[in-house]
Amino acid sequence: MRIIPKALMATLFACFLSAPLTALGMDIRIGYIQWTPDQGPVLSNVIPEPEDTGLRGAELAIEDNNTTGGFLGHHYLLESRIAKSEEQAQEVLESMMRQGIELFILRVPAPTLKTMADKTAGKALVFNAGAKEDELRLGGCQPHVLHTQPSYAMLTDGLAQWLNQRRWKTLFMITGPTDSDRAWADAFRRSATRFGLNIVADKPWTFDADLRRTASQELPLFTQANDYDAVVVADTRGDFGEYVPFNTWLPRPVVGTQGMSPVAWHRVVESWGAAQLQNRFRELAGRDMNGDDYAAWAAIRSLGTAVTQLDVANAERIRDFLFSEDFQLAAFKGRKLSYRPWNGQLRQPIPLVHPRGLVSTTPIEGFLHPITDLDSLGFDEAESECRINS
């Protein structure tokens, strides 16, 4: 028998008291579609990403929603597919829409997301639980697309705030060869300017050697410079970044995609009741929860919160509620989360972690904002062309 934690029971009871009375038997169908392109061989011993990343977070959220819904006659059903190609992912989307599904969680690359957003315009509510690209939040935003995955800018702003607070302002940056590496690095360059950091060396990684044998010779020479406070690595796949710590020319900390990293979620986050979420996820999936799992979980919990309050599963009404002042997502991050009204991005703190510990949680105290300090992470309203609620 599954034991429901006291904190979760308290939340469920509060939802029960505040929710309207409902007729029994309402089904809420949610489509989950995932497609991840083949990244090719990785030149390191980095632990591979689980194939069910994201999906397991969605499944846990469905369990949580059904625990709440059991009191109210709401039954959540997850229709999930992990596609083998972009074409298959598009076909699955069209098939689910023909079946009447109008609530979707998508973990697909940015170009695929744009195509899917066009197909679902006026027909569905879509949550982006995968693509981090800033361009999705800056221009061409669609009113029916929300983002539970933090953008690159949100991640790098969190890191830059912390570096500014520590006065580690002189940086050596290394950027990998992939598009995602360059996108992460571009976001960090913007963050560095925004928070008064100075990148004194900005070098691309162009080697294809096996660093398992040569890291102690290659990396000290590669990171030679007169002085710097920290090394920033942009290596989203883990081709070389795992070998940068302790192999730099100067004895300096490593941050970025390796070393100390800004993430949406990590197993070391345990405060604010998060340990209970972590334990329930391990029981379900047999592994630790990661940022993609969390993004999918947050999307479905957002839907569950809305349906509990509205007693309807209509995509348009749910969307309106998610942008209202009445919506707050309890998400184990020490804050009530909400969606930015201009581009649909979920506001959320960004943990800074190393593999075995939590270093800090951003936004850092002292970085102020006229509306909420959570908007000090990522592109603010004045920096974006999106006005999806105008």
Protein backbone atom coordinates (compact mmCIF):
# COMPACT_ATOMS: atom_id res chain seq x y z
CA MET A 1 0.00 0.00 0.00
CA ARG A 2 1.34 3.42 -0.96
CA ILE A 3 1.72 5.84 1.96
CA ILE A 4 0.82 9.46 1.12
CA PRO A 5 3.18 11.95 2.85
CA LYS A 6 1.61 14.29 5.39
CA ALA A 7 2.61 17.39 3.41
CA LEU A 8 0.91 16.05 0.28
CA MET A 9 -2.18 15.08 2.24
CA ALA A 10 -2.42 18.62 3.64
CA THR A 11 -2.21 20.03 0.11
CA LEU A 12 -4.86 17.63 -1.16
CA PHE A 13 -7.20 18.47 1.72
CA ALA A 14 -6.80 22.19 1.05
CA CYS A 15 -7.57 21.63 -2.63
CA PHE A 16 -10.63 19.58 -1.67
CA LEU A 17 -11.98 22.33 0.57
CA SER A 18 -11.42 25.09 -2.00
CA ALA A 19 -12.60 23.17 -5.07
CA PRO A 20 -16.16 23.32 -6.38
CA LEU A 21 -18.48 20.35 -6.06
CA THR A 22 -18.41 18.20 -9.18
CA ALA A 23 -20.21 15.36 -10.82
CA LEU A 24 -18.33 12.08 -10.73
CA GLY A 25 -16.51 10.65 -13.69
CA MET A 26 -14.73 13.47 -15.55
CA ASP A 27 -11.80 12.17 -17.59
CA ILE A 28 -8.87 14.48 -18.37
CA ARG A 29 -6.78 13.15 -21.26
CA ILE A 30 -3.24 14.47 -21.67
CA GLY A 31 -0.93 13.69 -24.56
CA TYR A 32 2.81 13.35 -23.99
CA ILE A 33 5.10 13.24 -27.04
CA GLN A 34 8.86 12.94 -26.92
CA TRP A 35 11.46 12.89 -29.65
CA THR A 36 15.19 13.36 -29.12
CA PRO A 37 17.49 13.38 -32.17
CA ASP A 38 20.50 11.09 -32.16
CA GLN A 39 23.37 13.13 -30.71
CA GLY A 40 26.11 10.88 -32.07
CA PRO A 41 29.01 9.38 -30.10
CA VAL A 42 30.15 11.19 -26.96
CA LEU A 43 33.90 11.38 -26.33
CA SER A 44 33.75 10.81 -22.59
CA ASN A 45 32.49 8.41 -19.94
CA VAL A 46 29.55 10.67 -19.13
CA ILE A 47 26.52 8.79 -17.79
CA PRO A 48 24.00 8.53 -20.64
CA GLU A 49 20.64 10.20 -20.31
CA PRO A 50 17.86 7.71 -19.55
CA GLU A 51 15.59 7.02 -22.51
CA ASP A 52 12.54 7.71 -20.36
CA THR A 53 13.74 11.14 -19.23
CA GLY A 54 10.73 13.43 -19.07
CA LEU A 55 8.19 10.64 -19.45
CA ARG A 56 8.71 9.43 -15.88
CA GLY A 57 8.11 12.93 -14.55
CA ALA A 58 4.84 13.06 -16.49
CA GLU A 59 3.80 9.70 -15.06
CA LEU A 60 4.49 10.84 -11.49
CA ALA A 61 2.43 13.98 -12.04
CA ILE A 62 -0.46 11.88 -13.35
CA GLU A 63 -0.29 9.85 -10.12
CA ASP A 64 -0.29 13.06 -8.07
CA ASN A 65 -3.20 14.49 -10.06
CA ASN A 66 -5.21 11.31 -9.62
CA THR A 67 -4.56 11.37 -5.88
CA THR A 68 -6.14 14.84 -5.79
CA GLY A 69 -8.75 13.98 -8.40
CA GLY A 70 -9.90 10.93 -6.49
CA PHE A 71 -11.66 13.24 -4.03
CA LEU A 72 -13.36 15.17 -6.84
CA GLY A 73 -14.27 12.61 -9.47
CA HIS A 74 -11.44 13.68 -11.80
CA HIS A 75 -9.58 10.90 -13.61
CA TYR A 76 -6.35 11.80 -15.42
CA LEU A 77 -5.21 9.66 -18.34
CA LEU A 78 -1.76 9.96 -19.96
CA GLU A 79 -1.39 9.03 -23.63
CA SER A 80 2.40 8.87 -24.13
CA ARG A 81 4.63 8.13 -27.09
CA ILE A 82 8.41 8.26 -27.51
CA ALA A 83 8.85 8.81 -31.25
CA LYS A 84 11.78 7.50 -33.29
CA SER A 85 11.78 10.39 -35.77
CA GLU A 86 10.43 13.88 -36.23
CA GLU A 87 7.97 12.60 -38.81
CA GLN A 88 6.63 10.04 -36.36
CA ALA A 89 6.32 12.66 -33.64
CA GLN A 90 4.23 14.84 -35.97
CA GLU A 91 2.06 11.88 -36.94
CA VAL A 92 1.47 11.02 -33.28
CA LEU A 93 0.41 14.61 -32.58
CA GLU A 94 -2.09 14.59 -35.43
CA SER A 95 -3.43 11.20 -34.34
CA MET A 96 -3.94 12.33 -30.75
CA MET A 97 -5.71 15.49 -31.89
CA ARG A 98 -8.07 13.40 -34.03
CA GLN A 99 -8.85 11.43 -30.87
CA GLY A 100 -9.98 14.62 -29.19
CA ILE A 101 -6.93 15.31 -26.99
CA GLU A 102 -6.37 19.04 -26.52
CA LEU A 103 -3.80 19.11 -23.67
CA PHE A 104 -0.21 18.28 -24.68
CA ILE A 105 3.21 18.00 -23.06
CA LEU A 106 5.97 18.10 -25.68
CA ARG A 107 9.62 17.21 -25.19
CA VAL A 108 10.99 17.86 -28.67
CA PRO A 109 13.66 20.12 -30.24
CA ALA A 110 12.83 23.77 -30.86
CA PRO A 111 12.23 23.48 -34.66
CA THR A 112 9.87 20.54 -34.11
CA LEU A 113 8.09 22.43 -31.34
CA LYS A 114 7.47 25.37 -33.67
CA THR A 115 5.86 23.10 -36.27
CA MET A 116 3.73 21.38 -33.64
CA ALA A 117 2.69 24.75 -32.23
CA ASP A 118 1.44 25.81 -35.66
CA LYS A 119 -0.60 22.60 -36.00
CA THR A 120 -2.22 23.00 -32.58
CA ALA A 121 -3.00 26.74 -32.77
CA GLY A 122 -6.61 27.33 -31.75
CA LYS A 123 -7.09 23.62 -31.06
CA ALA A 124 -5.02 22.72 -28.00
CA LEU A 125 -2.93 23.89 -25.05
CA VAL A 126 0.75 22.96 -25.35
CA PHE A 127 3.49 22.81 -22.71
CA ASN A 128 7.12 22.91 -23.82
CA ALA A 129 8.94 20.59 -21.43
CA GLY A 130 12.10 20.19 -23.48
CA ALA A 131 13.42 23.07 -25.60
CA LYS A 132 15.52 25.69 -23.77
CA GLU A 133 16.19 28.00 -26.72
CA ASP A 134 15.75 31.67 -25.86
CA GLU A 135 14.28 32.46 -29.28
CA LEU A 136 11.10 30.60 -28.29
CA ARG A 137 10.52 33.20 -25.55
CA LEU A 138 11.66 36.31 -27.45
CA GLY A 139 9.64 36.48 -30.65
CA GLY A 140 6.94 34.62 -32.51
CA CYS A 141 5.40 33.31 -29.28
CA GLN A 142 2.02 31.64 -29.62
CA PRO A 143 -0.73 32.21 -27.03
CA HIS A 144 -1.40 28.49 -26.54
CA VAL A 145 2.25 27.49 -25.83
CA LEU A 146 3.61 27.59 -22.27
CA HIS A 147 7.13 26.71 -21.15
CA THR A 148 7.88 24.73 -18.00
CA GLN A 149 11.45 24.11 -19.15
CA PRO A 150 13.71 27.02 -18.07
CA SER A 151 15.33 28.91 -20.93
CA TYR A 152 19.08 29.05 -21.42
CA ALA A 153 18.96 32.69 -20.28
CA MET A 154 17.25 31.75 -17.01
CA LEU A 155 19.94 29.17 -16.29
CA THR A 156 22.89 31.39 -17.16
CA ASP A 157 21.43 34.42 -15.37
CA GLY A 158 21.25 32.33 -12.21
CA LEU A 159 24.90 31.35 -12.60
CA ALA A 160 25.97 34.92 -13.40
CA GLN A 161 24.16 36.31 -10.35
CA TRP A 162 26.06 33.89 -8.13
CA LEU A 163 29.42 34.69 -9.75
CA ASN A 164 28.72 38.39 -9.27
CA GLN A 165 27.87 37.86 -5.60
CA ARG A 166 31.10 35.92 -5.06
CA ARG A 167 33.07 38.60 -6.90
CA TRP A 168 34.41 35.99 -9.32
CA LYS A 169 34.12 38.37 -12.24
CA THR A 170 37.07 37.45 -14.49
CA LEU A 171 36.25 34.34 -16.50
CA PHE A 172 37.76 31.89 -18.97
CA MET A 173 35.07 30.34 -21.19
CA ILE A 174 35.21 27.18 -23.33
CA THR A 175 32.45 26.46 -25.86
CA GLY A 176 31.77 23.09 -27.47
CA PRO A 177 30.92 22.53 -31.15
CA THR A 178 27.20 21.71 -31.03
CA ASP A 179 24.28 24.06 -31.60
CA SER A 180 23.16 23.63 -28.00
CA ASP A 181 26.69 24.44 -26.78
CA ARG A 182 26.68 27.65 -28.78
CA ALA A 183 23.18 28.55 -27.58
CA TRP A 184 24.22 28.04 -23.95
CA ALA A 185 27.39 30.09 -24.50
CA ASP A 186 25.50 32.92 -26.22
CA ALA A 187 23.11 33.05 -23.26
CA PHE A 188 26.00 33.22 -20.83
CA ARG A 189 27.72 36.03 -22.74
CA ARG A 190 24.52 38.04 -22.39
CA SER A 191 24.33 37.15 -18.69
CA ALA A 192 27.95 38.18 -18.18
CA THR A 193 27.25 41.62 -19.63
CA ARG A 194 24.04 41.92 -17.63
CA PHE A 195 25.70 41.16 -14.29
CA GLY A 196 29.07 42.82 -14.75
CA LEU A 197 31.30 39.84 -15.52
CA ASN A 198 34.35 39.95 -17.78
CA ILE A 199 35.17 37.05 -20.10
CA VAL A 200 38.92 37.47 -20.63
CA ALA A 201 39.29 34.36 -22.80
CA ASP A 202 36.55 32.88 -24.99
CA LYS A 203 37.80 29.77 -26.78
CA PRO A 204 36.01 27.16 -28.90
CA TRP A 205 36.73 23.50 -28.23
CA THR A 206 37.88 22.05 -31.56
CA PHE A 207 39.64 18.86 -30.49
CA ASP A 208 38.27 15.37 -31.12
CA ALA A 209 40.84 13.51 -29.01
CA ASP A 210 39.90 10.95 -26.36
CA LEU A 211 40.47 12.98 -23.20
CA ARG A 212 40.33 9.89 -21.05
CA ARG A 213 44.02 9.49 -21.92
CA THR A 214 45.19 13.04 -22.62
CA ALA A 215 43.21 15.41 -20.35
CA SER A 216 46.10 16.08 -17.98
CA GLN A 217 48.28 17.18 -20.92
CA GLU A 218 45.76 18.91 -23.20
CA LEU A 219 43.63 20.95 -20.80
CA PRO A 220 46.33 22.80 -18.83
CA LEU A 221 47.80 24.09 -22.09
CA PHE A 222 44.36 24.94 -23.49
CA THR A 223 43.39 26.99 -20.41
CA GLN A 224 46.55 29.08 -20.22
CA ALA A 225 45.89 32.76 -19.44
CA ASN A 226 47.36 35.43 -17.20
CA ASP A 227 44.58 35.24 -14.63
CA TYR A 228 40.93 34.36 -14.19
CA ASP A 229 38.60 33.65 -11.29
CA ALA A 230 36.71 30.70 -12.76
CA VAL A 231 36.37 28.58 -15.90
CA VAL A 232 32.95 28.52 -17.58
CA VAL A 233 32.20 25.43 -19.69
CA ALA A 234 29.49 25.18 -22.36
CA ASP A 235 29.39 21.47 -23.19
CA THR A 236 25.80 20.24 -23.06
CA ARG A 237 26.61 16.70 -24.29
CA GLY A 238 29.61 16.12 -22.05
CA ASP A 239 32.23 15.69 -24.79
CA PHE A 240 35.05 17.35 -22.85
CA GLY A 241 33.61 19.28 -19.93
CA GLU A 242 33.77 16.37 -17.50
CA TYR A 243 37.58 16.54 -17.69
CA VAL A 244 38.01 20.28 -17.16
CA PRO A 245 37.79 20.32 -13.31
CA PHE A 246 41.25 19.88 -11.73
CA ASN A 247 42.96 20.07 -15.14
CA THR A 248 42.99 23.86 -15.62
CA TRP A 249 46.21 25.89 -15.95
CA LEU A 250 45.36 27.90 -12.84
CA PRO A 251 43.78 26.27 -9.77
CA ARG A 252 40.30 27.64 -10.34
CA PRO A 253 36.69 26.42 -9.94
CA VAL A 254 34.76 25.16 -12.96
CA VAL A 255 31.14 26.18 -13.55
CA GLY A 256 28.62 25.92 -16.37
CA THR A 257 27.38 22.69 -17.88
CA GLN A 258 29.98 20.87 -15.77
CA GLY A 259 31.40 21.53 -12.32
CA MET A 260 28.81 23.66 -10.56
CA SER A 261 25.79 23.88 -12.85
CA PRO A 262 22.49 25.81 -13.03
CA VAL A 263 19.67 23.31 -13.50
CA ALA A 264 15.90 23.07 -13.36
CA TRP A 265 16.09 20.17 -10.91
CA HIS A 266 18.59 17.77 -9.34
CA ARG A 267 18.55 14.94 -6.84
CA VAL A 268 20.36 17.11 -4.25
CA VAL A 269 17.36 19.49 -3.97
CA GLU A 270 15.68 18.37 -0.74
CA SER A 271 14.25 21.45 1.02
CA TRP A 272 10.62 22.66 1.00
CA GLY A 273 9.28 19.10 0.94
CA ALA A 274 11.32 18.18 -2.15
CA ALA A 275 12.73 15.07 -0.46
CA GLN A 276 9.24 13.57 -0.58
CA LEU A 277 8.98 14.29 -4.30
CA GLN A 278 12.43 12.76 -4.86
CA ASN A 279 11.50 9.60 -2.95
CA ARG A 280 8.23 9.15 -4.80
CA PHE A 281 10.01 9.58 -8.12
CA ARG A 282 12.67 6.99 -7.23
CA GLU A 283 9.94 4.56 -6.23
CA LEU A 284 8.26 5.06 -9.61
CA ALA A 285 11.26 5.24 -11.95
CA GLY A 286 14.11 3.46 -10.13
CA ARG A 287 16.40 6.44 -10.72
CA ASP A 288 16.83 10.09 -9.72
CA MET A 289 14.63 12.89 -11.03
CA ASN A 290 16.29 15.35 -13.43
CA GLY A 291 15.36 18.68 -14.98
CA ASP A 292 13.43 17.23 -17.93
CA ASP A 293 11.42 15.02 -15.59
CA TYR A 294 10.66 18.07 -13.46
CA ALA A 295 9.55 20.15 -16.45
CA ALA A 296 7.06 17.47 -17.51
CA TRP A 297 5.90 17.02 -13.91
CA ALA A 298 5.35 20.79 -13.49
CA ALA A 299 3.32 20.96 -16.70
CA ILE A 300 0.90 18.22 -15.68
CA ARG A 301 0.66 19.51 -12.12
CA SER A 302 -0.23 22.92 -13.58
CA LEU A 303 -3.07 21.26 -15.46
CA GLY A 304 -4.15 19.41 -12.33
CA THR A 305 -4.18 22.61 -10.29
CA ALA A 306 -6.31 24.34 -12.91
CA VAL A 307 -8.80 21.48 -13.35
CA THR A 308 -9.19 21.15 -9.58
CA GLN A 309 -10.18 24.80 -9.31
CA LEU A 310 -12.25 25.09 -12.49
CA ASP A 311 -13.93 21.66 -12.59
CA VAL A 312 -13.51 21.65 -16.38
CA ALA A 313 -10.89 20.25 -18.77
CA ASN A 314 -11.34 22.82 -21.52
CA ALA A 315 -8.01 23.99 -22.94
CA GLU A 316 -9.03 27.63 -23.37
CA ARG A 317 -10.43 27.99 -19.86
CA ILE A 318 -7.41 26.23 -18.35
CA ARG A 319 -5.09 28.59 -20.20
CA ASP A 320 -6.93 31.65 -18.94
CA PHE A 321 -6.75 30.35 -15.37
CA LEU A 322 -3.02 29.62 -15.60
CA PHE A 323 -2.39 33.28 -16.41
CA SER A 324 -4.72 34.60 -13.74
CA GLU A 325 -3.76 35.84 -10.29
CA ASP A 326 -5.60 32.86 -8.80
CA PHE A 327 -3.06 30.34 -10.14
CA GLN A 328 -0.05 29.37 -8.07
CA LEU A 329 1.87 26.14 -8.57
CA ALA A 330 3.19 24.43 -5.45
CA ALA A 331 6.37 23.00 -6.92
CA PHE A 332 8.82 22.18 -4.08
CA LYS A 333 11.09 25.15 -4.83
CA GLY A 334 10.25 27.32 -1.85
CA ARG A 335 8.11 29.69 -3.92
CA LYS A 336 4.66 29.65 -5.47
CA LEU A 337 5.29 29.59 -9.23
CA SER A 338 3.39 31.44 -11.96
CA TYR A 339 3.56 31.95 -15.71
CA ARG A 340 4.94 35.10 -17.31
CA PRO A 341 2.00 36.76 -19.06
CA TRP A 342 4.01 38.01 -22.03
CA ASN A 343 5.60 34.72 -23.19
CA GLY A 344 4.19 31.82 -21.15
CA GLN A 345 7.43 30.98 -19.33
CA LEU A 346 7.04 29.39 -15.90
CA ARG A 347 8.81 31.58 -13.36
CA GLN A 348 10.95 29.41 -11.10
CA PRO A 349 14.08 29.47 -8.92
CA ILE A 350 17.19 27.89 -10.44
CA PRO A 351 19.30 25.61 -8.20
CA LEU A 352 23.09 25.72 -8.57
CA VAL A 353 24.44 22.25 -7.92
CA HIS A 354 27.46 20.01 -8.17
CA PRO A 355 27.02 16.24 -8.53
CA ARG A 356 26.76 15.65 -4.78
CA GLY A 357 25.46 18.87 -3.31
CA LEU A 358 23.36 22.02 -3.58
CA VAL A 359 25.49 25.19 -3.60
CA SER A 360 22.82 27.88 -3.82
CA THR A 361 19.38 28.71 -5.18
CA THR A 362 18.83 31.72 -7.41
CA PRO A 363 17.66 34.44 -7.70
CA ILE A 364 20.28 35.63 -5.22
CA GLU A 365 19.01 37.92 -2.50
CA GLY A 366 19.74 41.52 -3.43
CA PHE A 367 18.95 41.26 -7.14
CA LEU A 368 15.70 43.20 -7.11
CA HIS A 369 12.86 43.50 -9.61
CA PRO A 370 9.77 45.77 -9.59
CA ILE A 371 7.37 42.82 -9.96
CA THR A 372 9.13 39.67 -8.71
CA ASP A 373 12.80 38.80 -8.31
CA LEU A 374 12.07 35.62 -10.29
CA ASP A 375 11.92 37.88 -13.34
CA SER A 376 15.58 38.75 -12.79
CA LEU A 377 16.23 35.32 -14.36
CA GLY A 378 15.91 35.26 -18.13
CA PHE A 379 14.60 37.86 -20.57
CA ASP A 380 12.28 40.34 -18.91
CA GLU A 381 9.12 41.72 -20.54
CA ALA A 382 10.87 44.77 -21.98
CA GLU A 383 13.47 42.53 -23.63
CA SER A 384 10.95 40.29 -25.39
CA GLU A 385 8.75 41.03 -28.39
CA CYS A 386 6.16 38.51 -27.16
CA ARG A 387 2.82 39.80 -25.88
CA ILE A 388 0.65 36.72 -25.92
CA ASN A 389 -1.94 38.19 -23.55
CA SER A 390 -2.27 41.63 -25.15
